Amino acid sequence: MPDPAPAARNLSRAIDAADSRQVVEASRDFVEQLTFATADDILAMLREVLTEDWTALPPWARNLAYRLACLQRPDDPQLLREAAADLLSVGPDWDTFAEGLQRRADELD
């Protein structure tokens, strides 16, 4: 399976450079790498990249990554809670979804 971490770092660098063409290319590469990554690969990428720089990935990229990981592991309460915590960290727009993930995790415990 592909390692999405290099694509995530490339996306972060493109956004920092504010070059719209680079952002488009890096976004496409990130989505392609993420699409075929396993939940383990996705979580490793998120933990690695966000530990280096918590703001490295835009909310849409983080949401997509956690969403794909949760779809692969819908019965993993630890993952659901991690995804919920991340949603809560980016602002109130996602609180309802975060609360739903937390409820689902509580039901699984």
Protein backbone atom coordinates (compact mmCIF):
# COMPACT_ATOMS: atom_id res chain seq x y z
CA MET A 1 0.00 0.00 0.00
CA PRO A 2 1.16 3.55 -0.64
CA ASP A 3 2.55 5.68 2.19
CA PRO A 4 0.48 8.89 2.28
CA ALA A 5 2.96 10.76 4.53
CA PRO A 6 5.16 12.14 1.70
CA ALA A 7 2.05 13.35 -0.13
CA ALA A 8 0.81 15.03 3.07
CA ARG A 9 4.13 16.82 3.55
CA ASN A 10 4.13 17.90 -0.09
CA LEU A 11 0.60 19.30 0.32
CA SER A 12 1.68 21.21 3.42
CA ARG A 13 4.71 22.69 1.63
CA ALA A 14 2.58 23.68 -1.38
CA ILE A 15 0.06 25.44 0.84
CA ASP A 16 2.85 27.25 2.67
CA ALA A 17 4.31 28.37 -0.66
CA ALA A 18 0.89 29.73 -1.71
CA ASP A 19 1.42 28.53 -5.27
CA SER A 20 -2.03 27.60 -6.56
CA ARG A 21 -0.68 25.23 -9.22
CA GLN A 22 1.43 23.38 -6.68
CA VAL A 23 -1.52 23.21 -4.28
CA VAL A 24 -3.74 21.66 -6.95
CA GLU A 25 -1.11 19.07 -7.88
CA ALA A 26 -0.26 18.29 -4.26
CA SER A 27 -3.96 18.01 -3.34
CA ARG A 28 -4.58 15.58 -6.18
CA ASP A 29 -1.54 13.48 -5.19
CA PHE A 30 -2.62 13.51 -1.53
CA VAL A 31 -6.15 12.32 -2.38
CA GLU A 32 -4.80 9.61 -4.68
CA GLN A 33 -2.36 8.32 -2.06
CA LEU A 34 -4.99 8.46 0.66
CA THR A 35 -7.58 6.65 -1.44
CA PHE A 36 -5.56 3.45 -1.57
CA ALA A 37 -3.95 3.62 1.88
CA THR A 38 -4.88 1.29 4.70
CA ALA A 39 -6.28 2.63 7.95
CA ASP A 40 -2.91 1.89 9.59
CA ASP A 41 -1.08 3.88 6.90
CA ILE A 42 -3.50 6.78 7.22
CA LEU A 43 -3.20 6.91 11.00
CA ALA A 44 0.58 6.65 10.87
CA MET A 45 0.65 9.55 8.40
CA LEU A 46 -1.66 11.71 10.51
CA ARG A 47 0.27 11.06 13.71
CA GLU A 48 3.63 11.62 12.03
CA VAL A 49 2.75 14.76 10.08
CA LEU A 50 0.62 16.39 12.78
CA THR A 51 3.26 15.71 15.43
CA GLU A 52 5.76 17.59 13.28
CA ASP A 53 3.36 20.50 12.68
CA TRP A 54 -0.19 20.44 14.03
CA THR A 55 -1.32 22.90 11.33
CA ALA A 56 0.45 21.11 8.47
CA LEU A 57 -2.75 19.79 6.91
CA PRO A 58 -5.86 21.84 6.20
CA PRO A 59 -9.08 20.68 7.89
CA TRP A 60 -10.47 19.17 4.65
CA ALA A 61 -7.41 16.91 4.35
CA ARG A 62 -7.58 15.84 8.00
CA ASN A 63 -11.33 15.23 7.79
CA LEU A 64 -10.91 13.15 4.64
CA ALA A 65 -8.09 11.12 6.14
CA TYR A 66 -9.99 10.34 9.34
CA ARG A 67 -13.16 9.64 7.36
CA LEU A 68 -11.42 7.06 5.19
CA ALA A 69 -9.78 5.45 8.22
CA CYS A 70 -13.14 5.30 10.05
CA LEU A 71 -14.82 3.76 7.02
CA GLN A 72 -12.21 1.00 7.08
CA ARG A 73 -12.61 0.50 10.84
CA PRO A 74 -16.16 1.47 11.79
CA ASP A 75 -16.06 -0.62 14.98
CA ASP A 76 -12.84 0.82 16.43
CA PRO A 77 -13.85 3.04 19.37
CA GLN A 78 -10.32 4.40 19.87
CA LEU A 79 -10.16 5.54 16.24
CA LEU A 80 -13.65 7.05 16.41
CA ARG A 81 -12.65 9.05 19.49
CA GLU A 82 -9.41 10.21 17.86
CA ALA A 83 -11.34 11.36 14.79
CA ALA A 84 -13.91 13.11 17.00
CA ALA A 85 -11.18 14.93 18.94
CA ASP A 86 -9.65 16.13 15.69
CA LEU A 87 -13.01 17.40 14.43
CA LEU A 88 -13.53 19.29 17.68
CA SER A 89 -10.14 20.92 17.31
CA VAL A 90 -10.96 22.68 14.03
CA GLY A 91 -14.00 24.63 15.12
CA PRO A 92 -17.70 24.36 15.79
CA ASP A 93 -18.70 23.52 12.21
CA TRP A 94 -17.92 19.86 12.85
CA ASP A 95 -19.10 19.48 16.46
CA THR A 96 -22.28 17.61 15.54
CA PHE A 97 -20.29 15.04 13.59
CA ALA A 98 -17.76 14.74 16.41
CA GLU A 99 -20.53 14.11 18.92
CA GLY A 100 -21.92 11.38 16.68
CA LEU A 101 -18.52 9.68 16.52
CA GLN A 102 -18.18 9.90 20.30
CA ARG A 103 -21.65 8.39 20.80
CA ARG A 104 -20.80 5.54 18.42
CA ALA A 105 -17.52 4.90 20.28
CA ASP A 106 -19.39 4.83 23.61
CA GLU A 107 -21.88 2.34 22.17
CA LEU A 108 -19.04 0.07 21.07
CA ASP A 109 -17.40 0.04 24.52
